[in-house]
N, C-alpha and C. Protein backbone atom coordinates (compact mmCIF):
# COMPACT_ATOMS: atom_id res chain seq x y z
N UNK A 1 60.81 -29.27 139.21
CA UNK A 1 59.42 -28.86 139.14
C UNK A 1 59.03 -28.37 140.52
N UNK A 2 58.33 -27.25 140.57
CA UNK A 2 57.82 -26.75 141.85
C UNK A 2 56.41 -27.30 142.01
N UNK A 3 56.23 -28.09 143.04
CA UNK A 3 54.94 -28.74 143.25
C UNK A 3 53.95 -27.86 143.99
N UNK A 4 52.73 -28.32 144.04
CA UNK A 4 51.67 -27.62 144.77
C UNK A 4 52.00 -27.54 146.27
N UNK A 5 52.92 -28.36 146.71
CA UNK A 5 53.35 -28.37 148.11
C UNK A 5 54.41 -27.31 148.40
N UNK A 6 54.75 -26.48 147.40
CA UNK A 6 55.79 -25.44 147.50
C UNK A 6 57.17 -26.01 147.78
N UNK A 7 57.41 -27.22 147.32
CA UNK A 7 58.73 -27.81 147.36
C UNK A 7 59.25 -27.91 145.93
N UNK A 8 60.56 -27.81 145.78
CA UNK A 8 61.19 -28.01 144.49
C UNK A 8 61.50 -29.50 144.36
N UNK A 9 60.96 -30.13 143.33
CA UNK A 9 61.16 -31.55 143.09
C UNK A 9 62.09 -31.70 141.90
N UNK A 10 63.29 -32.23 142.14
CA UNK A 10 64.25 -32.44 141.06
C UNK A 10 63.95 -33.81 140.45
N UNK A 11 63.44 -33.82 139.23
CA UNK A 11 62.97 -35.06 138.64
C UNK A 11 64.10 -35.98 138.19
N UNK A 12 65.30 -35.45 138.05
CA UNK A 12 66.40 -36.30 137.59
C UNK A 12 66.99 -37.15 138.71
N UNK A 13 66.89 -36.67 139.97
CA UNK A 13 67.49 -37.44 141.06
C UNK A 13 66.57 -37.63 142.27
N UNK A 14 65.29 -37.27 142.13
CA UNK A 14 64.30 -37.41 143.20
C UNK A 14 64.60 -36.59 144.45
N UNK A 15 65.46 -35.58 144.35
CA UNK A 15 65.76 -34.70 145.48
C UNK A 15 64.63 -33.69 145.64
N UNK A 16 64.28 -33.37 146.88
CA UNK A 16 63.21 -32.41 147.17
C UNK A 16 63.76 -31.39 148.17
N UNK A 17 63.47 -30.11 147.90
CA UNK A 17 63.87 -29.07 148.85
C UNK A 17 62.80 -28.00 148.92
N UNK A 18 62.65 -27.37 150.07
CA UNK A 18 61.63 -26.32 150.19
C UNK A 18 62.07 -25.05 149.47
N UNK A 19 61.09 -24.27 149.01
CA UNK A 19 61.38 -22.96 148.45
C UNK A 19 61.76 -22.01 149.58
N UNK A 20 62.59 -21.02 149.28
CA UNK A 20 62.90 -20.03 150.31
C UNK A 20 61.66 -19.19 150.57
N UNK A 21 61.56 -18.63 151.76
CA UNK A 21 60.36 -17.89 152.17
C UNK A 21 60.08 -16.68 151.29
N UNK A 22 61.10 -16.09 150.69
CA UNK A 22 60.89 -14.90 149.87
C UNK A 22 60.64 -15.24 148.39
N UNK A 23 60.50 -16.53 148.06
CA UNK A 23 60.24 -16.94 146.69
C UNK A 23 58.77 -16.74 146.34
N UNK A 24 58.54 -16.35 145.10
CA UNK A 24 57.17 -16.18 144.62
C UNK A 24 57.02 -16.98 143.33
N UNK A 25 56.01 -17.81 143.28
CA UNK A 25 55.77 -18.66 142.12
C UNK A 25 54.53 -18.15 141.40
N UNK A 26 54.68 -17.94 140.09
CA UNK A 26 53.56 -17.47 139.28
C UNK A 26 53.39 -18.40 138.10
N UNK A 27 52.18 -18.83 137.87
CA UNK A 27 51.88 -19.63 136.68
C UNK A 27 52.32 -21.07 136.77
N UNK A 28 52.21 -21.75 135.62
CA UNK A 28 52.55 -23.16 135.52
C UNK A 28 53.40 -23.38 134.29
N UNK A 29 54.15 -24.45 134.28
CA UNK A 29 54.97 -24.81 133.14
C UNK A 29 54.46 -26.13 132.57
N UNK A 30 53.63 -26.04 131.55
CA UNK A 30 53.05 -27.25 130.95
C UNK A 30 54.14 -28.15 130.38
N UNK A 31 55.24 -27.57 129.87
CA UNK A 31 56.34 -28.39 129.33
C UNK A 31 56.95 -29.27 130.42
N UNK A 32 57.27 -28.65 131.55
CA UNK A 32 57.88 -29.40 132.65
C UNK A 32 56.96 -30.45 133.22
N UNK A 33 55.70 -30.10 133.38
CA UNK A 33 54.72 -31.06 133.91
C UNK A 33 54.54 -32.22 132.94
N UNK A 34 54.47 -31.92 131.65
CA UNK A 34 54.31 -32.98 130.64
C UNK A 34 55.51 -33.92 130.66
N UNK A 35 56.71 -33.37 130.74
CA UNK A 35 57.93 -34.20 130.80
C UNK A 35 57.93 -35.06 132.06
N UNK A 36 57.55 -34.48 133.18
CA UNK A 36 57.48 -35.22 134.43
C UNK A 36 56.48 -36.37 134.34
N UNK A 37 55.29 -36.09 133.83
CA UNK A 37 54.27 -37.13 133.70
C UNK A 37 54.75 -38.26 132.80
N UNK A 38 55.41 -37.92 131.70
CA UNK A 38 55.97 -38.96 130.83
C UNK A 38 56.96 -39.83 131.61
N UNK A 39 57.88 -39.18 132.33
CA UNK A 39 58.89 -39.93 133.07
C UNK A 39 58.26 -40.88 134.09
N UNK A 40 57.28 -40.37 134.84
CA UNK A 40 56.62 -41.21 135.85
C UNK A 40 55.85 -42.36 135.22
N UNK A 41 55.07 -42.05 134.19
CA UNK A 41 54.26 -43.09 133.54
C UNK A 41 55.12 -44.13 132.84
N UNK A 42 56.21 -43.70 132.24
CA UNK A 42 57.05 -44.66 131.52
C UNK A 42 57.79 -45.61 132.46
N UNK A 43 57.93 -45.22 133.72
CA UNK A 43 58.52 -46.12 134.71
C UNK A 43 57.55 -47.24 135.10
N UNK A 44 56.26 -46.99 135.01
CA UNK A 44 55.24 -47.95 135.44
C UNK A 44 54.61 -48.72 134.30
N UNK A 45 54.56 -48.10 133.13
CA UNK A 45 53.89 -48.72 131.99
C UNK A 45 54.85 -48.81 130.80
N UNK A 46 54.57 -49.68 129.90
CA UNK A 46 55.44 -49.90 128.74
C UNK A 46 55.11 -48.88 127.64
N UNK A 47 55.25 -47.61 127.97
CA UNK A 47 54.85 -46.55 127.05
C UNK A 47 55.72 -46.54 125.79
N UNK A 48 57.02 -46.69 125.93
CA UNK A 48 57.90 -46.64 124.76
C UNK A 48 57.54 -47.73 123.76
N UNK A 49 57.24 -48.92 124.25
CA UNK A 49 56.85 -50.02 123.36
C UNK A 49 55.51 -49.72 122.70
N UNK A 50 54.59 -49.16 123.47
CA UNK A 50 53.29 -48.80 122.92
C UNK A 50 53.45 -47.75 121.82
N UNK A 51 54.30 -46.76 122.07
CA UNK A 51 54.52 -45.72 121.08
C UNK A 51 55.09 -46.28 119.79
N UNK A 52 56.01 -47.24 119.92
CA UNK A 52 56.57 -47.88 118.73
C UNK A 52 55.48 -48.59 117.92
N UNK A 53 54.57 -49.25 118.62
CA UNK A 53 53.47 -49.96 117.95
C UNK A 53 52.59 -49.02 117.14
N UNK A 54 52.48 -47.77 117.60
CA UNK A 54 51.64 -46.79 116.92
C UNK A 54 52.46 -45.80 116.08
N UNK A 55 53.73 -46.11 115.90
CA UNK A 55 54.63 -45.28 115.10
C UNK A 55 54.67 -43.84 115.62
N UNK A 56 54.77 -43.70 116.95
CA UNK A 56 54.86 -42.41 117.61
C UNK A 56 56.16 -42.34 118.40
N UNK A 57 56.51 -41.14 118.85
CA UNK A 57 57.75 -40.94 119.61
C UNK A 57 57.43 -40.40 121.00
N UNK A 58 58.45 -40.43 121.84
CA UNK A 58 58.34 -39.85 123.18
C UNK A 58 57.91 -38.39 123.07
N UNK A 59 58.49 -37.67 122.13
CA UNK A 59 58.17 -36.26 121.95
C UNK A 59 56.70 -36.05 121.57
N UNK A 60 56.16 -36.94 120.72
CA UNK A 60 54.73 -36.87 120.37
C UNK A 60 53.87 -37.03 121.62
N UNK A 61 54.23 -37.97 122.46
CA UNK A 61 53.48 -38.25 123.68
C UNK A 61 53.52 -37.05 124.63
N UNK A 62 54.71 -36.49 124.84
CA UNK A 62 54.88 -35.35 125.73
C UNK A 62 54.11 -34.15 125.18
N UNK A 63 54.17 -33.94 123.87
CA UNK A 63 53.45 -32.82 123.26
C UNK A 63 51.93 -32.96 123.47
N UNK A 64 51.43 -34.18 123.40
CA UNK A 64 49.99 -34.40 123.61
C UNK A 64 49.60 -34.12 125.06
N UNK A 65 50.44 -34.52 126.00
CA UNK A 65 50.18 -34.21 127.42
C UNK A 65 50.19 -32.69 127.60
N UNK A 66 51.19 -32.02 127.04
CA UNK A 66 51.28 -30.56 127.14
C UNK A 66 50.02 -29.91 126.56
N UNK A 67 49.60 -30.34 125.41
CA UNK A 67 48.39 -29.79 124.77
C UNK A 67 47.18 -29.96 125.70
N UNK A 68 47.06 -31.14 126.30
CA UNK A 68 45.95 -31.41 127.21
C UNK A 68 45.99 -30.51 128.44
N UNK A 69 47.17 -30.31 129.00
CA UNK A 69 47.32 -29.42 130.15
C UNK A 69 46.96 -27.98 129.79
N UNK A 70 47.43 -27.54 128.64
CA UNK A 70 47.13 -26.17 128.20
C UNK A 70 45.63 -25.99 127.94
N UNK A 71 45.00 -27.03 127.48
CA UNK A 71 43.56 -26.98 127.21
C UNK A 71 42.75 -26.73 128.49
N UNK A 72 43.28 -27.20 129.62
CA UNK A 72 42.56 -27.00 130.90
C UNK A 72 43.16 -25.85 131.71
N UNK A 73 43.96 -25.02 131.06
CA UNK A 73 44.39 -23.78 131.69
C UNK A 73 45.78 -23.74 132.28
N UNK A 74 46.61 -24.73 132.04
CA UNK A 74 47.98 -24.67 132.56
C UNK A 74 48.85 -23.89 131.61
């Protein structure tokens, strides 16, 4: 994920690297941001267990985050 800090954040291994000076970033990726938010939140909260209680899946949760991001212009 390319953050607002113009660094590339690799969410699978927590590696961070700067973008090259000639790189140009346009727009946002609601899918990637939604996946990242799920990963971060599930590390701190018992989201998977909560989802099971409500008969929902990880994909349902990520889709709802994506929908919310798109609703505010991402």
